[in-house]
PDB file of N, CA and C in Angstrom:
ATOM      1  N   SER A   1     -21.791  -3.110   4.054  1.00  0.00           N
ATOM      2  CA  SER A   1     -21.695  -2.124   2.992  1.00  0.00           C
ATOM      3  C   SER A   1     -20.415  -1.296   3.169  1.00  0.00           C
ATOM      4  N   VAL A   2     -20.010  -0.672   2.100  1.00  0.00           N
ATOM      5  CA  VAL A   2     -18.811   0.172   2.137  1.00  0.00           C
ATOM      6  C   VAL A   2     -19.022   1.341   3.091  1.00  0.00           C
ATOM      7  N   ARG A   3     -20.199   1.929   3.042  1.00  0.00           N
ATOM      8  CA  ARG A   3     -20.491   3.084   3.903  1.00  0.00           C
ATOM      9  C   ARG A   3     -20.375   2.703   5.383  1.00  0.00           C
ATOM     10  N   THR A   4     -20.898   1.536   5.746  1.00  0.00           N
ATOM     11  CA  THR A   4     -20.812   1.060   7.127  1.00  0.00           C
ATOM     12  C   THR A   4     -19.366   0.806   7.520  1.00  0.00           C
ATOM     13  N   SER A   5     -18.607   0.198   6.623  1.00  0.00           N
ATOM     14  CA  SER A   5     -17.192  -0.067   6.906  1.00  0.00           C
ATOM     15  C   SER A   5     -16.419   1.230   7.091  1.00  0.00           C
ATOM     16  N   LEU A   6     -16.645   2.192   6.204  1.00  0.00           N
ATOM     17  CA  LEU A   6     -15.968   3.486   6.343  1.00  0.00           C
ATOM     18  C   LEU A   6     -16.302   4.131   7.678  1.00  0.00           C
ATOM     19  N   SER A   7     -17.579   4.106   8.034  1.00  0.00           N
ATOM     20  CA  SER A   7     -18.006   4.683   9.302  1.00  0.00           C
ATOM     21  C   SER A   7     -17.317   3.998  10.477  1.00  0.00           C
ATOM     22  N   SER A   8     -17.234   2.688  10.431  1.00  0.00           N
ATOM     23  CA  SER A   8     -16.581   1.934  11.511  1.00  0.00           C
ATOM     24  C   SER A   8     -15.108   2.295  11.631  1.00  0.00           C
ATOM     25  N   PHE A   9     -14.414   2.383  10.499  1.00  0.00           N
ATOM     26  CA  PHE A   9     -12.991   2.735  10.546  1.00  0.00           C
ATOM     27  C   PHE A   9     -12.793   4.162  11.038  1.00  0.00           C
ATOM     28  N   PHE A  10     -13.645   5.101  10.599  1.00  0.00           N
ATOM     29  CA  PHE A  10     -13.524   6.478  11.075  1.00  0.00           C
ATOM     30  C   PHE A  10     -13.749   6.558  12.584  1.00  0.00           C
ATOM     31  N   HIS A  11     -14.706   5.781  13.092  1.00  0.00           N
ATOM     32  CA  HIS A  11     -14.926   5.740  14.542  1.00  0.00           C
ATOM     33  C   HIS A  11     -13.713   5.150  15.249  1.00  0.00           C
ATOM     34  N   ALA A  12     -13.151   4.099  14.699  1.00  0.00           N
ATOM     35  CA  ALA A  12     -11.987   3.451  15.323  1.00  0.00           C
ATOM     36  C   ALA A  12     -10.814   4.417  15.436  1.00  0.00           C
ATOM     37  N   VAL A  13     -10.540   5.165  14.383  1.00  0.00           N
ATOM     38  CA  VAL A  13      -9.388   6.077  14.443  1.00  0.00           C
ATOM     39  C   VAL A  13      -9.692   7.325  15.258  1.00  0.00           C
ATOM     40  N   THR A  14     -10.971   7.656  15.407  1.00  0.00           N
ATOM     41  CA  THR A  14     -11.335   8.777  16.272  1.00  0.00           C
ATOM     42  C   THR A  14     -11.084   8.419  17.733  1.00  0.00           C
ATOM     43  N   PHE A  15     -11.463   7.209  18.110  1.00  0.00           N
ATOM     44  CA  PHE A  15     -11.309   6.787  19.498  1.00  0.00           C
ATOM     45  C   PHE A  15      -9.912   6.293  19.819  1.00  0.00           C
ATOM     46  N   ARG A  16      -9.203   5.791  18.822  1.00  0.00           N
ATOM     47  CA  ARG A  16      -7.820   5.322  19.021  1.00  0.00           C
ATOM     48  C   ARG A  16      -6.944   5.869  17.902  1.00  0.00           C
ATOM     49  N   PRO A  17      -6.546   7.136  18.027  1.00  0.00           N
ATOM     50  CA  PRO A  17      -5.778   7.761  16.949  1.00  0.00           C
ATOM     51  C   PRO A  17      -4.399   7.146  16.726  1.00  0.00           C
ATOM     52  N   ASP A  18      -3.979   6.250  17.600  1.00  0.00           N
ATOM     53  CA  ASP A  18      -2.686   5.584  17.432  1.00  0.00           C
ATOM     54  C   ASP A  18      -2.844   4.152  16.907  1.00  0.00           C
ATOM     55  N   TYR A  19      -4.011   3.800  16.410  1.00  0.00           N
ATOM     56  CA  TYR A  19      -4.321   2.441  15.971  1.00  0.00           C
ATOM     57  C   TYR A  19      -3.939   2.273  14.499  1.00  0.00           C
ATOM     58  N   ALA A  20      -2.703   1.873  14.275  1.00  0.00           N
ATOM     59  CA  ALA A  20      -2.154   1.773  12.920  1.00  0.00           C
ATOM     60  C   ALA A  20      -2.955   0.827  12.038  1.00  0.00           C
ATOM     61  N   LYS A  21      -3.399  -0.298  12.596  1.00  0.00           N
ATOM     62  CA  LYS A  21      -4.138  -1.275  11.779  1.00  0.00           C
ATOM     63  C   LYS A  21      -5.444  -0.687  11.241  1.00  0.00           C
ATOM     64  N   ALA A  22      -6.093   0.175  12.027  1.00  0.00           N
ATOM     65  CA  ALA A  22      -7.334   0.797  11.555  1.00  0.00           C
ATOM     66  C   ALA A  22      -7.043   1.767  10.411  1.00  0.00           C
ATOM     67  N   TYR A  23      -5.967   2.561  10.531  1.00  0.00           N
ATOM     68  CA  TYR A  23      -5.593   3.461   9.436  1.00  0.00           C
ATOM     69  C   TYR A  23      -5.217   2.667   8.186  1.00  0.00           C
ATOM     70  N   HIS A  24      -4.530   1.548   8.387  1.00  0.00           N
ATOM     71  CA  HIS A  24      -4.150   0.690   7.267  1.00  0.00           C
ATOM     72  C   HIS A  24      -5.404   0.167   6.556  1.00  0.00           C
ATOM     73  N   ALA A  25      -6.328  -0.385   7.322  1.00  0.00           N
ATOM     74  CA  ALA A  25      -7.562  -0.922   6.739  1.00  0.00           C
ATOM     75  C   ALA A  25      -8.388   0.181   6.078  1.00  0.00           C
ATOM     76  N   LEU A  26      -8.448   1.342   6.725  1.00  0.00           N
ATOM     77  CA  LEU A  26      -9.172   2.479   6.149  1.00  0.00           C
ATOM     78  C   LEU A  26      -8.536   2.880   4.821  1.00  0.00           C
ATOM     79  N   GLY A  27      -7.216   2.941   4.792  1.00  0.00           N
ATOM     80  CA  GLY A  27      -6.525   3.293   3.550  1.00  0.00           C
ATOM     81  C   GLY A  27      -6.814   2.308   2.436  1.00  0.00           C
ATOM     82  N   ASN A  28      -6.806   1.024   2.760  1.00  0.00           N
ATOM     83  CA  ASN A  28      -7.113   0.014   1.742  1.00  0.00           C
ATOM     84  C   ASN A  28      -8.539   0.166   1.220  1.00  0.00           C
ATOM     85  N   LEU A  29      -9.474   0.428   2.124  1.00  0.00           N
ATOM     86  CA  LEU A  29     -10.865   0.595   1.703  1.00  0.00           C
ATOM     87  C   LEU A  29     -11.019   1.852   0.845  1.00  0.00           C
ATOM     88  N   LEU A  30     -10.412   2.961   1.279  1.00  0.00           N
ATOM     89  CA  LEU A  30     -10.485   4.192   0.492  1.00  0.00           C
ATOM     90  C   LEU A  30      -9.866   3.990  -0.890  1.00  0.00           C
ATOM     91  N   SER A  31      -8.761   3.269  -0.939  1.00  0.00           N
ATOM     92  CA  SER A  31      -8.115   2.990  -2.221  1.00  0.00           C
ATOM     93  C   SER A  31      -9.042   2.194  -3.136  1.00  0.00           C
ATOM     94  N   SER A  32      -9.706   1.198  -2.572  1.00  0.00           N
ATOM     95  CA  SER A  32     -10.602   0.364  -3.385  1.00  0.00           C
ATOM     96  C   SER A  32     -11.785   1.158  -3.930  1.00  0.00           C
ATOM     97  N   GLN A  33     -12.081   2.289  -3.294  1.00  0.00           N
ATOM     98  CA  GLN A  33     -13.195   3.130  -3.728  1.00  0.00           C
ATOM     99  C   GLN A  33     -12.742   4.296  -4.607  1.00  0.00           C
ATOM    100  N   GLY A  34     -11.432   4.335  -4.922  1.00  0.00           N
ATOM    101  CA  GLY A  34     -10.915   5.370  -5.817  1.00  0.00           C
ATOM    102  C   GLY A  34     -10.579   6.692  -5.161  1.00  0.00           C
ATOM    103  N   HIS A  35     -10.525   6.732  -3.850  1.00  0.00           N
ATOM    104  CA  HIS A  35     -10.182   7.959  -3.125  1.00  0.00           C
ATOM    105  C   HIS A  35      -8.661   8.021  -2.969  1.00  0.00           C
ATOM    106  N   VAL A  36      -7.989   8.446  -4.030  1.00  0.00           N
ATOM    107  CA  VAL A  36      -6.537   8.320  -4.149  1.00  0.00           C
ATOM    108  C   VAL A  36      -5.793   9.047  -3.036  1.00  0.00           C
ATOM    109  N   GLU A  37      -6.024  10.333  -2.888  1.00  0.00           N
ATOM    110  CA  GLU A  37      -5.256  11.111  -1.905  1.00  0.00           C
ATOM    111  C   GLU A  37      -5.601  10.723  -0.473  1.00  0.00           C
ATOM    112  N   GLU A  38      -6.885  10.513  -0.193  1.00  0.00           N
ATOM    113  CA  GLU A  38      -7.293  10.129   1.157  1.00  0.00           C
ATOM    114  C   GLU A  38      -6.699   8.776   1.538  1.00  0.00           C
ATOM    115  N   ALA A  39      -6.686   7.849   0.599  1.00  0.00           N
ATOM    116  CA  ALA A  39      -6.110   6.526   0.861  1.00  0.00           C
ATOM    117  C   ALA A  39      -4.621   6.640   1.141  1.00  0.00           C
ATOM    118  N   ALA A  40      -3.922   7.411   0.315  1.00  0.00           N
ATOM    119  CA  ALA A  40      -2.477   7.581   0.507  1.00  0.00           C
ATOM    120  C   ALA A  40      -2.185   8.213   1.857  1.00  0.00           C
ATOM    121  N   THR A  41      -2.991   9.182   2.255  1.00  0.00           N
ATOM    122  CA  THR A  41      -2.802   9.846   3.546  1.00  0.00           C
ATOM    123  C   THR A  41      -3.007   8.865   4.691  1.00  0.00           C
ATOM    124  N   SER A  42      -4.059   8.075   4.620  1.00  0.00           N
ATOM    125  CA  SER A  42      -4.344   7.108   5.680  1.00  0.00           C
ATOM    126  C   SER A  42      -3.254   6.046   5.772  1.00  0.00           C
ATOM    127  N   LEU A  43      -2.815   5.528   4.636  1.00  0.00           N
ATOM    128  CA  LEU A  43      -1.755   4.514   4.640  1.00  0.00           C
ATOM    129  C   LEU A  43      -0.430   5.095   5.126  1.00  0.00           C
ATOM    130  N   ALA A  44      -0.124   6.323   4.714  1.00  0.00           N
ATOM    131  CA  ALA A  44       1.114   6.962   5.171  1.00  0.00           C
ATOM    132  C   ALA A  44       1.069   7.198   6.676  1.00  0.00           C
ATOM    133  N   PHE A  45      -0.102   7.558   7.199  1.00  0.00           N
ATOM    134  CA  PHE A  45      -0.213   7.757   8.643  1.00  0.00           C
ATOM    135  C   PHE A  45      -0.054   6.431   9.378  1.00  0.00           C
ATOM    136  N   ALA A  46      -0.641   5.369   8.844  1.00  0.00           N
ATOM    137  CA  ALA A  46      -0.459   4.039   9.445  1.00  0.00           C
ATOM    138  C   ALA A  46       1.021   3.689   9.487  1.00  0.00           C
ATOM    139  N   LEU A  47       1.723   4.015   8.419  1.00  0.00           N
ATOM    140  CA  LEU A  47       3.152   3.723   8.358  1.00  0.00           C
ATOM    141  C   LEU A  47       3.938   4.584   9.342  1.00  0.00           C
ATOM    142  N   SER A  48       3.495   5.810   9.571  1.00  0.00           N
ATOM    143  CA  SER A  48       4.180   6.660  10.553  1.00  0.00           C
ATOM    144  C   SER A  48       4.023   6.096  11.964  1.00  0.00           C
ATOM    145  N   LEU A  49       2.915   5.398  12.202  1.00  0.00           N
ATOM    146  CA  LEU A  49       2.686   4.779  13.507  1.00  0.00           C
ATOM    147  C   LEU A  49       3.436   3.462  13.652  1.00  0.00           C
ATOM    148  N   ARG A  50       3.629   2.759  12.543  1.00  0.00           N
ATOM    149  CA  ARG A  50       4.349   1.470  12.544  1.00  0.00           C
ATOM    150  C   ARG A  50       5.327   1.452  11.367  1.00  0.00           C
ATOM    151  N   PRO A  51       6.442   2.179  11.493  1.00  0.00           N
ATOM    152  CA  PRO A  51       7.363   2.319  10.362  1.00  0.00           C
ATOM    153  C   PRO A  51       8.032   1.025   9.918  1.00  0.00           C
ATOM    154  N   SER A  52       7.960  -0.009  10.716  1.00  0.00           N
ATOM    155  CA  SER A  52       8.581  -1.278  10.333  1.00  0.00           C
ATOM    156  C   SER A  52       7.584  -2.246   9.695  1.00  0.00           C
ATOM    157  N   SER A  53       6.429  -1.757   9.284  1.00  0.00           N
ATOM    158  CA  SER A  53       5.391  -2.617   8.715  1.00  0.00           C
ATOM    159  C   SER A  53       5.583  -2.799   7.206  1.00  0.00           C
ATOM    160  N   ALA A  54       6.128  -3.947   6.840  1.00  0.00           N
ATOM    161  CA  ALA A  54       6.281  -4.274   5.417  1.00  0.00           C
ATOM    162  C   ALA A  54       4.910  -4.385   4.749  1.00  0.00           C
ATOM    163  N   GLU A  55       3.934  -4.877   5.491  1.00  0.00           N
ATOM    164  CA  GLU A  55       2.584  -5.023   4.941  1.00  0.00           C
ATOM    165  C   GLU A  55       1.994  -3.665   4.553  1.00  0.00           C
ATOM    166  N   THR A  56       2.205  -2.651   5.403  1.00  0.00           N
ATOM    167  CA  THR A  56       1.685  -1.325   5.085  1.00  0.00           C
ATOM    168  C   THR A  56       2.428  -0.723   3.899  1.00  0.00           C
ATOM    169  N   CYS A  57       3.746  -0.931   3.829  1.00  0.00           N
ATOM    170  CA  CYS A  57       4.504  -0.467   2.653  1.00  0.00           C
ATOM    171  C   CYS A  57       3.962  -1.116   1.386  1.00  0.00           C
ATOM    172  N   ASN A  58       3.699  -2.407   1.445  1.00  0.00           N
ATOM    173  CA  ASN A  58       3.154  -3.117   0.289  1.00  0.00           C
ATOM    174  C   ASN A  58       1.771  -2.579  -0.075  1.00  0.00           C
ATOM    175  N   SER A  59       0.956  -2.281   0.920  1.00  0.00           N
ATOM    176  CA  SER A  59      -0.375  -1.731   0.643  1.00  0.00           C
ATOM    177  C   SER A  59      -0.277  -0.353   0.007  1.00  0.00           C
ATOM    178  N   LEU A  60       0.660   0.467   0.493  1.00  0.00           N
ATOM    179  CA  LEU A  60       0.844   1.790  -0.102  1.00  0.00           C
ATOM    180  C   LEU A  60       1.326   1.645  -1.545  1.00  0.00           C
ATOM    181  N   ALA A  61       2.226   0.707  -1.780  1.00  0.00           N
ATOM    182  CA  ALA A  61       2.688   0.443  -3.143  1.00  0.00           C
ATOM    183  C   ALA A  61       1.535  -0.027  -4.024  1.00  0.00           C
ATOM    184  N   ALA A  62       0.748  -0.963  -3.519  1.00  0.00           N
ATOM    185  CA  ALA A  62      -0.384  -1.485  -4.291  1.00  0.00           C
ATOM    186  C   ALA A  62      -1.396  -0.379  -4.584  1.00  0.00           C
ATOM    187  N   HIS A  63      -1.563   0.524  -3.634  1.00  0.00           N
ATOM    188  CA  HIS A  63      -2.461   1.662  -3.843  1.00  0.00           C
ATOM    189  C   HIS A  63      -1.997   2.472  -5.050  1.00  0.00           C
ATOM    190  N   TRP A  64      -0.708   2.836  -5.083  1.00  0.00           N
ATOM    191  CA  TRP A  64      -0.190   3.622  -6.210  1.00  0.00           C
ATOM    192  C   TRP A  64      -0.204   2.809  -7.500  1.00  0.00           C
ATOM    193  N   HIS A  65       0.014   1.521  -7.400  1.00  0.00           N
ATOM    194  CA  HIS A  65       0.034   0.621  -8.557  1.00  0.00           C
ATOM    195  C   HIS A  65      -1.341   0.563  -9.225  1.00  0.00           C
ATOM    196  N   THR A  66      -2.386   0.558  -8.421  1.00  0.00           N
ATOM    197  CA  THR A  66      -3.740   0.373  -8.947  1.00  0.00           C
ATOM    198  C   THR A  66      -4.556   1.657  -9.011  1.00  0.00           C
ATOM    199  N   SER A  67      -3.972   2.789  -8.598  1.00  0.00           N
ATOM    200  CA  SER A  67      -4.727   4.041  -8.640  1.00  0.00           C
ATOM    201  C   SER A  67      -4.998   4.424 -10.095  1.00  0.00           C
ATOM    202  N   SER A  68      -5.919   5.316 -10.278  1.00  0.00           N
ATOM    203  CA  SER A  68      -6.254   5.763 -11.623  1.00  0.00           C
ATOM    204  C   SER A  68      -5.961   7.253 -11.736  1.00  0.00           C
ATOM    205  N   PRO A  69      -4.957   7.631 -12.494  1.00  0.00           N
ATOM    206  CA  PRO A  69      -4.030   6.778 -13.247  1.00  0.00           C
ATOM    207  C   PRO A  69      -3.007   6.144 -12.305  1.00  0.00           C
ATOM    208  N   PRO A  70      -2.395   5.045 -12.735  1.00  0.00           N
ATOM    209  CA  PRO A  70      -1.386   4.408 -11.879  1.00  0.00           C
ATOM    210  C   PRO A  70      -0.144   5.287 -11.733  1.00  0.00           C
ATOM    211  N   HIS A  71       0.469   5.199 -10.583  1.00  0.00           N
ATOM    212  CA  HIS A  71       1.728   5.903 -10.298  1.00  0.00           C
ATOM    213  C   HIS A  71       2.771   4.818 -10.043  1.00  0.00           C
ATOM    214  N   LEU A  72       3.228   4.204 -11.122  1.00  0.00           N
ATOM    215  CA  LEU A  72       4.085   3.025 -11.008  1.00  0.00           C
ATOM    216  C   LEU A  72       5.452   3.329 -10.428  1.00  0.00           C
ATOM    217  N   ASP A  73       5.996   4.520 -10.704  1.00  0.00           N
ATOM    218  CA  ASP A  73       7.295   4.862 -10.118  1.00  0.00           C
ATOM    219  C   ASP A  73       7.199   4.916  -8.595  1.00  0.00           C
ATOM    220  N   ARG A  74       6.114   5.473  -8.089  1.00  0.00           N
ATOM    221  CA  ARG A  74       5.903   5.484  -6.633  1.00  0.00           C
ATOM    222  C   ARG A  74       5.720   4.062  -6.115  1.00  0.00           C
ATOM    223  N   ALA A  75       4.977   3.273  -6.861  1.00  0.00           N
ATOM    224  CA  ALA A  75       4.695   1.898  -6.433  1.00  0.00           C
ATOM    225  C   ALA A  75       5.976   1.098  -6.264  1.00  0.00           C
ATOM    226  N   VAL A  76       6.883   1.158  -7.240  1.00  0.00           N
ATOM    227  CA  VAL A  76       8.090   0.331  -7.135  1.00  0.00           C
ATOM    228  C   VAL A  76       8.972   0.781  -5.976  1.00  0.00           C
ATOM    229  N   VAL A  77       8.955   2.075  -5.657  1.00  0.00           N
ATOM    230  CA  VAL A  77       9.712   2.548  -4.488  1.00  0.00           C
ATOM    231  C   VAL A  77       9.149   1.923  -3.219  1.00  0.00           C
ATOM    232  N   TRP A  78       7.823   1.916  -3.080  1.00  0.00           N
ATOM    233  CA  TRP A  78       7.210   1.363  -1.867  1.00  0.00           C
ATOM    234  C   TRP A  78       7.325  -0.152  -1.803  1.00  0.00           C
ATOM    235  N   TYR A  79       7.273  -0.835  -2.953  1.00  0.00           N
ATOM    236  CA  TYR A  79       7.532  -2.278  -2.936  1.00  0.00           C
ATOM    237  C   TYR A  79       8.957  -2.530  -2.454  1.00  0.00           C
ATOM    238  N   GLY A  80       9.884  -1.684  -2.892  1.00  0.00           N
ATOM    239  CA  GLY A  80      11.267  -1.811  -2.438  1.00  0.00           C
ATOM    240  C   GLY A  80      11.393  -1.647  -0.937  1.00  0.00           C
ATOM    241  N   HIS A  81      10.670  -0.668  -0.378  1.00  0.00           N
ATOM    242  CA  HIS A  81      10.690  -0.482   1.084  1.00  0.00           C
ATOM    243  C   HIS A  81      10.138  -1.721   1.789  1.00  0.00           C
ATOM    244  N   ALA A  82       9.059  -2.270   1.265  1.00  0.00           N
ATOM    245  CA  ALA A  82       8.482  -3.478   1.872  1.00  0.00           C
ATOM    246  C   ALA A  82       9.500  -4.608   1.878  1.00  0.00           C
ATOM    247  N   LEU A  83      10.225  -4.762   0.784  1.00  0.00           N
ATOM    248  CA  LEU A  83      11.201  -5.847   0.680  1.00  0.00           C
ATOM    249  C   LEU A  83      12.434  -5.603   1.537  1.00  0.00           C
ATOM    250  N   GLN A  84      12.789  -4.337   1.757  1.00  0.00           N
ATOM    251  CA  GLN A  84      13.884  -4.041   2.685  1.00  0.00           C
ATOM    252  C   GLN A  84      13.492  -4.436   4.100  1.00  0.00           C
ATOM    253  N   LEU A  85      12.243  -4.180   4.458  1.00  0.00           N
ATOM    254  CA  LEU A  85      11.768  -4.514   5.800  1.00  0.00           C
ATOM    255  C   LEU A  85      11.573  -6.012   5.987  1.00  0.00           C
ATOM    256  N   ASP A  86      11.143  -6.691   4.924  1.00  0.00           N
ATOM    257  CA  ASP A  86      10.893  -8.134   5.007  1.00  0.00           C
ATOM    258  C   ASP A  86      11.290  -8.796   3.687  1.00  0.00           C
ATOM    259  N   PRO A  87      12.555  -9.211   3.576  1.00  0.00           N
ATOM    260  CA  PRO A  87      13.038  -9.817   2.332  1.00  0.00           C
ATOM    261  C   PRO A  87      12.338 -11.125   1.957  1.00  0.00           C
ATOM    262  N   SER A  88      11.542 -11.686   2.842  1.00  0.00           N
ATOM    263  CA  SER A  88      10.822 -12.925   2.527  1.00  0.00           C
ATOM    264  C   SER A  88       9.369 -12.668   2.098  1.00  0.00           C
ATOM    265  N   TYR A  89       8.997 -11.416   1.895  1.00  0.00           N
ATOM    266  CA  TYR A  89       7.617 -11.046   1.563  1.00  0.00           C
ATOM    267  C   TYR A  89       7.355 -11.341   0.075  1.00  0.00           C
ATOM    268  N   THR A  90       6.911 -12.556  -0.208  1.00  0.00           N
ATOM    269  CA  THR A  90       6.771 -13.003  -1.595  1.00  0.00           C
ATOM    270  C   THR A  90       5.761 -12.175  -2.391  1.00  0.00           C
ATOM    271  N   GLY A  91       4.699 -11.735  -1.754  1.00  0.00           N
ATOM    272  CA  GLY A  91       3.707 -10.925  -2.457  1.00  0.00           C
ATOM    273  C   GLY A  91       4.284  -9.626  -2.977  1.00  0.00           C
ATOM    274  N   ALA A  92       5.193  -9.024  -2.212  1.00  0.00           N
ATOM    275  CA  ALA A  92       5.814  -7.772  -2.651  1.00  0.00           C
ATOM    276  C   ALA A  92       6.712  -8.004  -3.861  1.00  0.00           C
ATOM    277  N   TYR A  93       7.392  -9.150  -3.913  1.00  0.00           N
ATOM    278  CA  TYR A  93       8.213  -9.459  -5.094  1.00  0.00           C
ATOM    279  C   TYR A  93       7.335  -9.553  -6.342  1.00  0.00           C
ATOM    280  N   SER A  94       6.258 -10.292  -6.234  1.00  0.00           N
ATOM    281  CA  SER A  94       5.357 -10.475  -7.370  1.00  0.00           C
ATOM    282  C   SER A  94       4.751  -9.144  -7.812  1.00  0.00           C
ATOM    283  N   ASN A  95       4.287  -8.363  -6.839  1.00  0.00           N
ATOM    284  CA  ASN A  95       3.690  -7.067  -7.153  1.00  0.00           C
ATOM    285  C   ASN A  95       4.708  -6.135  -7.805  1.00  0.00           C
ATOM    286  N   ALA A  96       5.928  -6.114  -7.265  1.00  0.00           N
ATOM    287  CA  ALA A  96       6.979  -5.267  -7.844  1.00  0.00           C
ATOM    288  C   ALA A  96       7.297  -5.723  -9.263  1.00  0.00           C
ATOM    289  N   GLY A  97       7.359  -7.031  -9.468  1.00  0.00           N
ATOM    290  CA  GLY A  97       7.603  -7.547 -10.813  1.00  0.00           C
ATOM    291  C   GLY A  97       6.543  -7.098 -11.801  1.00  0.00           C
ATOM    292  N   ASN A  98       5.298  -7.125 -11.374  1.00  0.00           N
ATOM    293  CA  ASN A  98       4.209  -6.662 -12.239  1.00  0.00           C
ATOM    294  C   ASN A  98       4.351  -5.176 -12.561  1.00  0.00           C
ATOM    295  N   ALA A  99       4.690  -4.370 -11.543  1.00  0.00           N
ATOM    296  CA  ALA A  99       4.851  -2.932 -11.766  1.00  0.00           C
ATOM    297  C   ALA A  99       6.031  -2.655 -12.697  1.00  0.00           C
ATOM    298  N   PHE A 100       7.158  -3.334 -12.469  1.00  0.00           N
ATOM    299  CA  PHE A 100       8.307  -3.153 -13.357  1.00  0.00           C
ATOM    300  C   PHE A 100       7.958  -3.563 -14.788  1.00  0.00           C
ATOM    301  N   SER A 101       7.163  -4.608 -14.948  1.00  0.00           N
ATOM    302  CA  SER A 101       6.746  -5.035 -16.291  1.00  0.00           C
ATOM    303  C   SER A 101       5.930  -3.949 -16.981  1.00  0.00           C
ATOM    304  N   LEU A 102       5.011  -3.350 -16.249  1.00  0.00           N
ATOM    305  CA  LEU A 102       4.201  -2.272 -16.826  1.00  0.00           C
ATOM    306  C   LEU A 102       5.057  -1.068 -17.204  1.00  0.00           C
ATOM    307  N   LEU A 103       6.155  -0.873 -16.476  1.00  0.00           N
ATOM    308  CA  LEU A 103       7.096   0.207 -16.794  1.00  0.00           C
ATOM    309  C   LEU A 103       8.079  -0.198 -17.896  1.00  0.00           C
ATOM    310  N   GLU A 104       7.964  -1.436 -18.359  1.00  0.00           N
ATOM    311  CA  GLU A 104       8.866  -2.005 -19.363  1.00  0.00           C
ATOM    312  C   GLU A 104      10.321  -1.995 -18.897  1.00  0.00           C
ATOM    313  N   ARG A 105      10.497  -2.207 -17.610  1.00  0.00           N
ATOM    314  CA  ARG A 105      11.825  -2.343 -17.011  1.00  0.00           C
ATOM    315  C   ARG A 105      12.041  -3.841 -16.804  1.00  0.00           C
ATOM    316  N   TRP A 106      12.342  -4.505 -17.909  1.00  0.00           N
ATOM    317  CA  TRP A 106      12.309  -5.959 -17.983  1.00  0.00           C
ATOM    318  C   TRP A 106      13.304  -6.653 -17.067  1.00  0.00           C
ATOM    319  N   GLU A 107      14.523  -6.161 -16.980  1.00  0.00           N
ATOM    320  CA  GLU A 107      15.521  -6.831 -16.130  1.00  0.00           C
ATOM    321  C   GLU A 107      15.114  -6.773 -14.667  1.00  0.00           C
ATOM    322  N   GLU A 108      14.621  -5.608 -14.244  1.00  0.00           N
ATOM    323  CA  GLU A 108      14.175  -5.482 -12.857  1.00  0.00           C
ATOM    324  C   GLU A 108      12.954  -6.364 -12.604  1.00  0.00           C
ATOM    325  N   ALA A 109      12.064  -6.431 -13.582  1.00  0.00           N
ATOM    326  CA  ALA A 109      10.890  -7.302 -13.443  1.00  0.00           C
ATOM    327  C   ALA A 109      11.327  -8.753 -13.292  1.00  0.00           C
ATOM    328  N   ALA A 110      12.238  -9.185 -14.147  1.00  0.00           N
ATOM    329  CA  ALA A 110      12.706 -10.575 -14.096  1.00  0.00           C
ATOM    330  C   ALA A 110      13.356 -10.892 -12.761  1.00  0.00           C
ATOM    331  N   SER A 111      14.082  -9.933 -12.200  1.00  0.00           N
ATOM    332  CA  SER A 111      14.750 -10.182 -10.915  1.00  0.00           C
ATOM    333  C   SER A 111      13.746 -10.368  -9.782  1.00  0.00           C
ATOM    334  N   MET A 112      12.564  -9.791  -9.916  1.00  0.00           N
ATOM    335  CA  MET A 112      11.536  -9.944  -8.887  1.00  0.00           C
ATOM    336  C   MET A 112      10.900 -11.327  -8.942  1.00  0.00           C
ATOM    337  N   TYR A 113      10.902 -11.936 -10.114  1.00  0.00           N
ATOM    338  CA  TYR A 113      10.288 -13.250 -10.278  1.00  0.00           C
ATOM    339  C   TYR A 113      11.273 -14.392 -10.071  1.00  0.00           C
ATOM    340  N   ALA A 114      12.558 -14.073  -9.957  1.00  0.00           N
ATOM    341  CA  ALA A 114      13.598 -15.122  -9.845  1.00  0.00           C
ATOM    342  C   ALA A 114      13.554 -15.834  -8.508  1.00  0.00           C
TER     343      ALA A 114
END
């Protein structure tokens, strides 16, 4: 259940406050449950622990992309950070292209799909 998963992640970060993967997973779970600010805080903290994590940048971007309401300008910035860290991260290209499309920034969207 979601409640059990949340409890497990909270215990993990309590006992290992430097465990970036637990903060990352917690942020993704909080995001999926609509907890916008808490998810962003958890993902940002995970990134502070592992600043070279393209995956965490992509997750933070996806969080802003899918939040209600979406924050697409924030999302494209974080997709850009993910791609700077890992230019071969194909998922970030696709996600950025989708966000640029929603912003009607067609040339930038097309460049992500090229």
